Structure formats: C-alpha cells, structure tokens
C-alpha atoms as a PDB file:
ATOM      1  CA  MET A   1       5.169 -11.899 -22.209  1.00  0.00           C
ATOM      2  CA  PRO A   2       8.783 -12.408 -20.972  1.00  0.00           C
ATOM      3  CA  PHE A   3       7.622 -13.047 -17.396  1.00  0.00           C
ATOM      4  CA  SER A   4       4.183 -14.652 -15.245  1.00  0.00           C
ATOM      5  CA  ASN A   5       1.244 -13.430 -13.255  1.00  0.00           C
ATOM      6  CA  VAL A   6       1.637 -14.113  -9.730  1.00  0.00           C
ATOM      7  CA  GLU A   7      -1.724 -16.372  -9.714  1.00  0.00           C
ATOM      8  CA  GLN A   8       0.055 -18.619 -11.955  1.00  0.00           C
ATOM      9  CA  ILE A   9       3.523 -19.362 -10.093  1.00  0.00           C
ATOM     10  CA  THR A  10       2.034 -20.999  -7.143  1.00  0.00           C
ATOM     11  CA  PRO A  11       0.181 -23.793  -9.330  1.00  0.00           C
ATOM     12  CA  ILE A  12       2.754 -24.523 -11.526  1.00  0.00           C
ATOM     13  CA  MET A  13       5.502 -24.675  -9.037  1.00  0.00           C
ATOM     14  CA  GLN A  14       3.326 -27.330  -7.259  1.00  0.00           C
ATOM     15  CA  GLU A  15       3.257 -29.455  -9.705  1.00  0.00           C
ATOM     16  CA  VAL A  16       7.250 -28.856 -10.428  1.00  0.00           C
ATOM     17  CA  LEU A  17       7.438 -29.976  -6.665  1.00  0.00           C
ATOM     18  CA  ARG A  18       5.437 -32.973  -7.514  1.00  0.00           C
ATOM     19  CA  ILE A  19       7.471 -34.343 -10.291  1.00  0.00           C
ATOM     20  CA  ARG A  20      10.339 -33.513  -9.008  1.00  0.00           C
ATOM     21  CA  PRO A  21      12.622 -33.762 -12.438  1.00  0.00           C
ATOM     22  CA  GLU A  22      16.064 -34.594 -12.400  1.00  0.00           C
ATOM     23  CA  LYS A  23      16.197 -32.900 -15.899  1.00  0.00           C
ATOM     24  CA  MET A  24      13.988 -30.243 -16.563  1.00  0.00           C
ATOM     25  CA  LEU A  25      13.694 -27.777 -19.724  1.00  0.00           C
ATOM     26  CA  ASP A  26      12.047 -24.220 -19.609  1.00  0.00           C
ATOM     27  CA  VAL A  27      10.810 -23.682 -23.410  1.00  0.00           C
ATOM     28  CA  GLY A  28      10.545 -19.816 -23.932  1.00  0.00           C
ATOM     29  CA  CYS A  29      11.792 -19.325 -20.596  1.00  0.00           C
ATOM     30  CA  GLY A  30      11.689 -14.932 -20.747  1.00  0.00           C
ATOM     31  CA  PHE A  31      13.658 -13.820 -17.829  1.00  0.00           C
ATOM     32  CA  GLY A  32      13.828 -16.925 -16.274  1.00  0.00           C
ATOM     33  CA  VAL A  33      11.054 -16.461 -13.565  1.00  0.00           C
ATOM     34  CA  TYR A  34      10.563 -20.490 -13.176  1.00  0.00           C
ATOM     35  CA  GLY A  35      13.945 -21.564 -13.918  1.00  0.00           C
ATOM     36  CA  MET A  36      15.165 -19.449 -10.975  1.00  0.00           C
ATOM     37  CA  LEU A  37      12.516 -20.595  -8.522  1.00  0.00           C
ATOM     38  CA  SER A  38      13.189 -24.379  -9.582  1.00  0.00           C
ATOM     39  CA  ARG A  39      16.330 -23.864  -9.393  1.00  0.00           C
ATOM     40  CA  ILE A  40      15.734 -22.718  -5.428  1.00  0.00           C
ATOM     41  CA  GLN A  41      12.849 -25.122  -4.724  1.00  0.00           C
ATOM     42  CA  LEU A  42      14.498 -28.395  -5.879  1.00  0.00           C
ATOM     43  CA  ASP A  43      18.388 -27.624  -5.377  1.00  0.00           C
ATOM     44  CA  LEU A  44      18.516 -25.059  -2.489  1.00  0.00           C
ATOM     45  CA  TYR A  45      15.604 -24.868  -0.545  1.00  0.00           C
ATOM     46  CA  SER A  46      15.787 -28.459   1.246  1.00  0.00           C
ATOM     47  CA  ASP A  47      19.598 -28.229   1.539  1.00  0.00           C
ATOM     48  CA  GLU A  48      21.510 -27.761   4.918  1.00  0.00           C
ATOM     49  CA  THR A  49      24.628 -26.690   2.693  1.00  0.00           C
ATOM     50  CA  PHE A  50      22.946 -24.266   0.579  1.00  0.00           C
ATOM     51  CA  TYR A  51      25.051 -21.213   1.847  1.00  0.00           C
ATOM     52  CA  THR A  52      28.081 -22.913   0.314  1.00  0.00           C
ATOM     53  CA  LYS A  53      26.195 -22.982  -3.222  1.00  0.00           C
ATOM     54  CA  VAL A  54      25.777 -19.168  -3.095  1.00  0.00           C
ATOM     55  CA  PHE A  55      29.220 -18.233  -3.060  1.00  0.00           C
ATOM     56  CA  ARG A  56      30.705 -16.945  -6.155  1.00  0.00           C
ATOM     57  CA  ALA A  57      33.324 -19.750  -6.303  1.00  0.00           C
ATOM     58  CA  HIS A  58      30.495 -22.364  -6.878  1.00  0.00           C
ATOM     59  CA  ARG A  59      28.003 -20.205  -8.766  1.00  0.00           C
ATOM     60  CA  SER A  60      30.623 -19.228 -11.618  1.00  0.00           C
ATOM     61  CA  SER A  61      31.651 -22.782 -11.993  1.00  0.00           C
ATOM     62  CA  LYS A  62      27.405 -23.559 -12.124  1.00  0.00           C
ATOM     63  CA  ARG A  63      28.607 -27.040 -10.241  1.00  0.00           C
ATOM     64  CA  TRP A  64      25.229 -28.369  -9.819  1.00  0.00           C
ATOM     65  CA  ALA A  65      24.635 -31.763  -7.962  1.00  0.00           C
ATOM     66  CA  GLY A  66      20.566 -31.958  -8.341  1.00  0.00           C
ATOM     67  CA  THR A  67      18.453 -30.579 -11.316  1.00  0.00           C
ATOM     68  CA  ARG A  68      19.728 -30.065 -14.323  1.00  0.00           C
ATOM     69  CA  ILE A  69      18.035 -27.067 -15.782  1.00  0.00           C
ATOM     70  CA  ASP A  70      17.748 -26.203 -19.080  1.00  0.00           C
ATOM     71  CA  ALA A  71      16.066 -23.618 -21.459  1.00  0.00           C
ATOM     72  CA  ILE A  72      15.088 -22.603 -25.067  1.00  0.00           C
ATOM     73  CA  GLU A  73      14.900 -18.769 -25.647  1.00  0.00           C
ATOM     74  CA  GLY A  74      14.463 -17.288 -29.217  1.00  0.00           C
ATOM     75  CA  PHE A  75      14.238 -13.397 -27.979  1.00  0.00           C
ATOM     76  CA  GLU A  76      18.189 -12.925 -27.331  1.00  0.00           C
ATOM     77  CA  ASP A  77      17.583  -9.567 -25.424  1.00  0.00           C
ATOM     78  CA  TYR A  78      15.735 -10.944 -22.792  1.00  0.00           C
ATOM     79  CA  LEU A  79      18.619 -13.338 -21.635  1.00  0.00           C
ATOM     80  CA  ASP A  80      20.024  -9.967 -19.496  1.00  0.00           C
ATOM     81  CA  TYR A  81      17.394 -10.352 -16.988  1.00  0.00           C
ATOM     82  CA  ILE A  82      18.212 -14.188 -16.357  1.00  0.00           C
ATOM     83  CA  PRO A  83      20.852 -14.302 -13.487  1.00  0.00           C
ATOM     84  CA  ASP A  84      23.732 -16.748 -14.525  1.00  0.00           C
ATOM     85  CA  TRP A  85      23.261 -19.477 -11.786  1.00  0.00           C
ATOM     86  CA  VAL A  86      19.900 -19.965 -12.709  1.00  0.00           C
ATOM     87  CA  TYR A  87      20.210 -22.150 -15.919  1.00  0.00           C
ATOM     88  CA  ASP A  88      22.812 -25.180 -16.823  1.00  0.00           C
ATOM     89  CA  ASP A  89      22.295 -23.813 -20.454  1.00  0.00           C
ATOM     90  CA  ILE A  90      20.178 -21.463 -22.142  1.00  0.00           C
ATOM     91  CA  ARG A  91      19.709 -22.262 -26.136  1.00  0.00           C
ATOM     92  CA  VAL A  92      19.258 -19.164 -28.141  1.00  0.00           C
ATOM     93  CA  GLU A  93      16.878 -20.239 -30.877  1.00  0.00           C
ATOM     94  CA  ASP A  94      13.279 -20.771 -32.097  1.00  0.00           C
ATOM     95  CA  VAL A  95      11.648 -23.486 -30.562  1.00  0.00           C
ATOM     96  CA  ARG A  96      10.449 -24.927 -33.798  1.00  0.00           C
ATOM     97  CA  THR A  97      13.966 -25.767 -34.930  1.00  0.00           C
ATOM     98  CA  ALA A  98      15.780 -26.662 -31.556  1.00  0.00           C
ATOM     99  CA  LEU A  99      13.119 -29.106 -30.336  1.00  0.00           C
ATOM    100  CA  PRO A 100      13.429 -31.530 -33.428  1.00  0.00           C
ATOM    101  CA  THR A 101      16.900 -31.638 -32.257  1.00  0.00           C
ATOM    102  CA  ILE A 102      16.382 -33.021 -28.914  1.00  0.00           C
ATOM    103  CA  PRO A 103      16.488 -36.920 -28.455  1.00  0.00           C
ATOM    104  CA  ASP A 104      13.212 -38.673 -26.994  1.00  0.00           C
ATOM    105  CA  GLU A 105      12.357 -38.280 -23.569  1.00  0.00           C
ATOM    106  CA  HIS A 106      15.336 -36.659 -22.658  1.00  0.00           C
ATOM    107  CA  TYR A 107      13.860 -34.700 -19.894  1.00  0.00           C
ATOM    108  CA  ASP A 108      11.432 -35.277 -16.791  1.00  0.00           C
ATOM    109  CA  LEU A 109      10.203 -32.520 -17.214  1.00  0.00           C
ATOM    110  CA  CYS A 110       9.045 -29.342 -19.939  1.00  0.00           C
ATOM    111  CA  LEU A 111       7.415 -26.204 -19.180  1.00  0.00           C
ATOM    112  CA  ALA A 112       6.506 -24.214 -21.917  1.00  0.00           C
ATOM    113  CA  LEU A 113       4.739 -21.200 -20.345  1.00  0.00           C
ATOM    114  CA  ALA A 114       2.999 -18.386 -22.742  1.00  0.00           C
ATOM    115  CA  ILE A 115       4.447 -19.503 -25.725  1.00  0.00           C
ATOM    116  CA  ILE A 116       1.768 -21.076 -27.874  1.00  0.00           C
ATOM    117  CA  GLU A 117       0.064 -18.502 -28.375  1.00  0.00           C
ATOM    118  CA  HIS A 118       2.629 -16.855 -30.354  1.00  0.00           C
ATOM    119  CA  LEU A 119       2.668 -20.191 -32.983  1.00  0.00           C
ATOM    120  CA  THR A 120       0.415 -20.552 -35.316  1.00  0.00           C
ATOM    121  CA  LYS A 121      -2.162 -23.775 -34.650  1.00  0.00           C
ATOM    122  CA  GLU A 122      -0.437 -25.657 -37.165  1.00  0.00           C
ATOM    123  CA  GLU A 123       2.759 -25.011 -35.299  1.00  0.00           C
ATOM    124  CA  GLY A 124       1.185 -25.424 -31.609  1.00  0.00           C
ATOM    125  CA  LEU A 125      -0.105 -28.642 -32.565  1.00  0.00           C
ATOM    126  CA  GLU A 126       3.748 -29.723 -34.010  1.00  0.00           C
ATOM    127  CA  PHE A 127       4.946 -27.772 -31.231  1.00  0.00           C
ATOM    128  CA  ILE A 128       3.265 -30.101 -28.652  1.00  0.00           C
ATOM    129  CA  ARG A 129       4.238 -32.779 -30.253  1.00  0.00           C
ATOM    130  CA  GLN A 130       7.811 -32.204 -30.254  1.00  0.00           C
ATOM    131  CA  LEU A 131       7.428 -31.228 -26.196  1.00  0.00           C
ATOM    132  CA  LYS A 132       5.398 -35.038 -25.589  1.00  0.00           C
ATOM    133  CA  ARG A 133       8.134 -36.804 -26.920  1.00  0.00           C
ATOM    134  CA  ILE A 134      11.058 -35.062 -25.626  1.00  0.00           C
ATOM    135  CA  GLY A 135       9.567 -34.691 -22.370  1.00  0.00           C
ATOM    136  CA  LYS A 136       8.540 -37.456 -19.594  1.00  0.00           C
ATOM    137  CA  ALA A 137       5.825 -34.809 -18.464  1.00  0.00           C
ATOM    138  CA  VAL A 138       4.847 -31.431 -19.825  1.00  0.00           C
ATOM    139  CA  VAL A 139       3.506 -28.329 -18.368  1.00  0.00           C
ATOM    140  CA  ILE A 140       1.930 -26.061 -20.630  1.00  0.00           C
ATOM    141  CA  ALA A 141      -0.078 -22.612 -19.918  1.00  0.00           C
ATOM    142  CA  VAL A 142      -1.780 -20.377 -22.554  1.00  0.00           C
ATOM    143  CA  PRO A 143      -4.223 -17.241 -21.422  1.00  0.00           C
ATOM    144  CA  LYS A 144      -7.899 -18.333 -22.054  1.00  0.00           C
ATOM    145  CA  ARG A 145      -8.117 -15.237 -23.829  1.00  0.00           C
ATOM    146  CA  VAL A 146      -5.976 -14.144 -26.136  1.00  0.00           C
ATOM    147  CA  ASP A 147      -6.054 -10.049 -27.891  1.00  0.00           C
ATOM    148  CA  SER A 148      -3.960  -8.937 -30.809  1.00  0.00           C
ATOM    149  CA  GLN A 149      -0.166  -8.177 -30.009  1.00  0.00           C
ATOM    150  CA  GLU A 150       2.497  -7.246 -31.995  1.00  0.00           C
ATOM    151  CA  VAL A 151       5.706  -6.289 -30.587  1.00  0.00           C
ATOM    152  CA  PRO A 152       7.933  -4.343 -32.808  1.00  0.00           C
ATOM    153  CA  ASN A 153      11.585  -5.638 -33.389  1.00  0.00           C
ATOM    154  CA  ASN A 154      10.534  -8.846 -31.664  1.00  0.00           C
ATOM    155  CA  PRO A 155       8.239 -11.210 -33.720  1.00  0.00           C
ATOM    156  CA  PHE A 156       7.945 -14.213 -30.821  1.00  0.00           C
ATOM    157  CA  GLU A 157       6.161 -11.832 -29.124  1.00  0.00           C
ATOM    158  CA  THR A 158       3.206 -11.828 -31.678  1.00  0.00           C
ATOM    159  CA  HIS A 159       0.043 -13.613 -31.173  1.00  0.00           C
ATOM    160  CA  ARG A 160      -1.129 -15.796 -33.612  1.00  0.00           C
ATOM    161  CA  SER A 161      -3.579 -18.555 -32.069  1.00  0.00           C
ATOM    162  CA  ALA A 162      -5.941 -19.299 -29.312  1.00  0.00           C
ATOM    163  CA  TRP A 163      -6.307 -22.654 -27.450  1.00  0.00           C
ATOM    164  CA  GLN A 164      -9.236 -24.115 -25.392  1.00  0.00           C
ATOM    165  CA  ARG A 165      -9.362 -26.669 -23.066  1.00  0.00           C
ATOM    166  CA  GLU A 166     -10.644 -29.099 -25.825  1.00  0.00           C
ATOM    167  CA  ASP A 167      -7.599 -28.607 -27.661  1.00  0.00           C
ATOM    168  CA  PHE A 168      -5.382 -30.108 -25.269  1.00  0.00           C
ATOM    169  CA  VAL A 169      -7.539 -32.748 -23.908  1.00  0.00           C
ATOM    170  CA  ALA A 170      -7.937 -34.224 -27.548  1.00  0.00           C
ATOM    171  CA  LEU A 171      -4.330 -34.087 -27.457  1.00  0.00           C
ATOM    172  CA  GLY A 172      -3.580 -36.015 -24.377  1.00  0.00           C
ATOM    173  CA  ALA A 173      -3.864 -33.593 -21.451  1.00  0.00           C
ATOM    174  CA  ASN A 174      -4.968 -35.198 -18.431  1.00  0.00           C
ATOM    175  CA  ALA A 175      -4.952 -32.637 -15.837  1.00  0.00           C
ATOM    176  CA  PHE A 176      -5.586 -28.972 -15.585  1.00  0.00           C
ATOM    177  CA  LEU A 177      -4.313 -26.772 -13.122  1.00  0.00           C
ATOM    178  CA  PRO A 178      -6.453 -24.092 -11.200  1.00  0.00           C
ATOM    179  CA  HIS A 179      -6.674 -20.744 -12.635  1.00  0.00           C
ATOM    180  CA  SER A 180      -9.028 -18.180 -13.383  1.00  0.00           C
ATOM    181  CA  ALA A 181      -7.730 -16.524 -16.704  1.00  0.00           C
ATOM    182  CA  ALA A 182      -5.330 -19.591 -18.227  1.00  0.00           C
ATOM    183  CA  TRP A 183      -5.553 -23.097 -19.629  1.00  0.00           C
ATOM    184  CA  ILE A 184      -2.717 -24.549 -17.755  1.00  0.00           C
ATOM    185  CA  ALA A 185      -2.464 -28.287 -19.171  1.00  0.00           C
ATOM    186  CA  VAL A 186      -0.703 -31.117 -17.840  1.00  0.00           C
ATOM    187  CA  PHE A 187       0.342 -34.192 -19.823  1.00  0.00           C
ATOM    188  CA  ASP A 188       2.283 -37.090 -17.649  1.00  0.00           C
ATOM    189  CA  ALA A 189       1.393 -40.269 -18.186  1.00  0.00           C
ATOM    190  CA  SER A 190       2.248 -40.917 -14.201  1.00  0.00           C
ATOM    191  CA  ARG A 191      -1.451 -39.593 -13.665  1.00  0.00           C
ATOM    192  CA  PRO A 192      -4.569 -41.747 -14.107  1.00  0.00           C
ATOM    193  CA  ARG A 193      -6.328 -40.258 -17.401  1.00  0.00           C
ATOM    194  CA  GLY A 194      -9.082 -38.038 -16.676  1.00  0.00           C
ATOM    195  CA  ALA A 195      -7.717 -36.847 -13.391  1.00  0.00           C
ATOM    196  CA  THR A 196      -7.848 -32.823 -12.774  1.00  0.00           C
ATOM    197  CA  ALA A 197      -5.771 -30.758 -10.658  1.00  0.00           C
ATOM    198  CA  GLU A 198      -9.009 -28.524 -10.688  1.00  0.00           C
ATOM    199  CA  PRO A 199     -11.663 -28.332  -7.971  1.00  0.00           C
ATOM    200  CA  THR A 200     -15.083 -30.046  -9.519  1.00  0.00           C
ATOM    201  CA  PRO A 201     -18.343 -28.293  -8.052  1.00  0.00           C
ATOM    202  CA  ALA A 202     -19.661 -30.092  -5.144  1.00  0.00           C
ATOM    203  CA  ALA A 203     -22.849 -31.692  -5.607  1.00  0.00           C
ATOM    204  CA  PRO A 204     -25.840 -29.368  -4.200  1.00  0.00           C
ATOM    205  CA  SER A 205     -27.055 -31.404  -0.572  1.00  0.00           C
ATOM    206  CA  THR A 206     -30.908 -32.190  -0.671  1.00  0.00           C
ATOM    207  CA  GLU A 207     -31.744 -29.196   1.745  1.00  0.00           C
ATOM    208  CA  LEU A 208     -29.643 -26.613  -0.506  1.00  0.00           C
ATOM    209  CA  GLU A 209     -31.513 -28.228  -3.321  1.00  0.00           C
ATOM    210  CA  LEU A 210     -35.009 -28.012  -1.800  1.00  0.00           C
ATOM    211  CA  ALA A 211     -34.566 -24.224  -0.833  1.00  0.00           C
ATOM    212  CA  ARG A 212     -33.643 -23.247  -4.082  1.00  0.00           C
ATOM    213  CA  ILE A 213     -36.964 -25.465  -5.121  1.00  0.00           C
ATOM    214  CA  GLU A 214     -39.160 -23.436  -2.625  1.00  0.00           C
ATOM    215  CA  ASN A 215     -37.110 -19.610  -3.424  1.00  0.00           C
ATOM    216  CA  LYS A 216     -38.303 -20.493  -7.243  1.00  0.00           C
ATOM    217  CA  LEU A 217     -41.860 -21.568  -5.746  1.00  0.00           C
ATOM    218  CA  ASP A 218     -42.003 -18.235  -3.966  1.00  0.00           C
ATOM    219  CA  THR A 219     -41.184 -16.313  -7.072  1.00  0.00           C
ATOM    220  CA  LEU A 220     -43.581 -18.058  -8.810  1.00  0.00           C
ATOM    221  CA  LEU A 221     -46.543 -17.402  -6.354  1.00  0.00           C
ATOM    222  CA  GLU A 222     -45.344 -13.616  -6.163  1.00  0.00           C
ATOM    223  CA  ARG A 223     -45.755 -13.241  -9.720  1.00  0.00           C
ATOM    224  CA  GLN A 224     -49.106 -14.484  -9.582  1.00  0.00           C
ATOM    225  CA  THR A 225     -50.184 -12.293  -7.075  1.00  0.00           C
ATOM    226  CA  GLN A 226     -48.798  -9.498  -8.784  1.00  0.00           C
ATOM    227  CA  VAL A 227     -50.786 -10.822 -12.218  1.00  0.00           C
ATOM    228  CA  LEU A 228     -54.193 -11.514 -10.504  1.00  0.00           C
ATOM    229  CA  SER A 229     -54.217  -8.038  -8.806  1.00  0.00           C
ATOM    230  CA  ALA A 230     -53.610  -6.488 -12.111  1.00  0.00           C
ATOM    231  CA  LEU A 231     -56.287  -8.507 -13.919  1.00  0.00           C
ATOM    232  CA  SER A 232     -58.642  -7.796 -10.975  1.00  0.00           C
ATOM    233  CA  ILE A 233     -58.384  -4.230 -11.052  1.00  0.00           C
ATOM    234  CA  LYS A 234     -58.726  -4.262 -15.264  1.00  0.00           C
ATOM    235  CA  HIS A 235     -61.855  -6.063 -14.448  1.00  0.00           C
ATOM    236  CA  ARG A 236     -62.777  -3.266 -11.460  1.00  0.00           C
ATOM    237  CA  ILE A 237     -62.215  -0.484 -13.971  1.00  0.00           C
ATOM    238  CA  GLY A 238     -63.963  -2.022 -16.738  1.00  0.00           C
ATOM    239  CA  SER A 239     -67.595  -2.778 -15.029  1.00  0.00           C
ATOM    240  CA  LEU A 240     -67.020   0.703 -13.648  1.00  0.00           C
ATOM    241  CA  TRP A 241     -66.951   1.948 -17.229  1.00  0.00           C
ATOM    242  CA  GLY A 242     -70.119  -0.197 -18.069  1.00  0.00           C
ATOM    243  CA  ARG A 243     -72.094   1.054 -15.590  1.00  0.00           C
ATOM    244  CA  MET A 244     -70.904   4.552 -16.335  1.00  0.00           C
ATOM    245  CA  SER A 245     -72.407   4.374 -20.030  1.00  0.00           C
ATOM    246  CA  ARG A 246     -75.551   2.916 -18.819  1.00  0.00           C
ATOM    247  CA  ALA A 247     -76.009   5.789 -16.578  1.00  0.00           C
ATOM    248  CA  THR A 248     -75.762   8.103 -19.667  1.00  0.00           C
ATOM    249  CA  ARG A 249     -77.963   6.708 -21.859  1.00  0.00           C
END
C-alpha cells in the first residue's frame, strides 16, 4: 500500500533521526509519508527560520539547504497525493531498472518500506543487493504475514513474496526495529553486528523462577489428589460389589 500504519512510523522515524542523512532515497515512496516526515524533522523542526521556508516563494524553488530527499515511485498516479515541496526529485520508474543506474554509496540512507513483498524472491534479493550498494544505511520493512493481493490496473501492488527475519539476517541485517506485524530490518555498518533495536526479554529472577516451580508442583499435587481420590472411590465400589455378590450366593 502507498502509506503506512501508525505503529510503524515512530520506530522508522527514530532511525532516520539517528542516522540524520544528508542524502536520502525513499524507494517506492507511495503517498510520500516518510518523505514528508523526514523533511519536517530533518530540515524544519529544529530550524528557527523555518517560517520563511514554508513561504510559497521558497517552496516553488525547492531551495532546501539541509537534507536532499529523492524518491522512486513506479505508479505515477500516487504522485498526485505528494506535496510538491517534499522531495527534491521523484523518479517515476520501476525500481528494478532505476536502482542499477545509481552510483555506489550515493545516499546516506535508503528507505524501502512495504515494497519488497511486491517483488519475486529472486528480484527481492537483487533489490537488497542494489540498496546496500547505493546506500550507506538501508531500512527495509515488510509485513510478517503477506496475504494474496492483486490491484486492478496497478501490477506494482501485487504481492509476490514473503520474507522472514532469517532472510534479512543472512543478507547482513544487523538490527531490527520493534513492530508486532512487520519485519523492519536495518543494514548499517555503523551498528555493531548482532545489535538489535528490539527489546530483549529479561532473564527471569530467582524468585520468579521459584514461584513458577511452586505453582507447577501445586498443580501436580492437586492432580495427584484427584487421581488418588478417584482410585479410592473405585476401590470402595469394587469392594462393595464383591460383598454384595457373596451375600447373594
């Protein structure tokens, strides 16, 4: 889809602010959600003179002194929803042909959000290779569950592959941003390999572990009591039946 769920926006934008790129590429930008947020956060939010930058005269010339933000979008109709001041340049082209023409390490950061599932697995592997070549840091987001999807008159929205955490780790991802329904993989040499932005569950304390064992023992003892009680009733019924049988002889 050409936009994003709200839970995904915060961790990705925090990563953008951590990297603070001077040159950034939004691959498959859709409606330009992340381009707009990045422009605001990187160029306007901390600038005391930002009021002058939002004047029409400045906007029409796109004279941004801060971050250069470019985009690639394959479906031209989406461009109608993107404010003209967000991107320095939008390239309307299939990413499979556009990325190979970009020089090595041309961007400090490449965002590829909700796009790789629209490529075949083989195309996706090449897609990641190209992103790592042109971007010093790369953030890729893909749903953990990819359902079947086809959109009439827009083949770029067809779902063609599913991805797992292990796929990105094998390709060199060294961090994953927290999200319950999406893998958000980060490829960034400035992070130590194996580092993760996901919270790691804390090891259980001794007290908690003992409480868990005690609860388990209580459950087992209760079950044992129920079994013994059932056996006792069965034995008593059997004994009573035997005595009744002997009495009738």
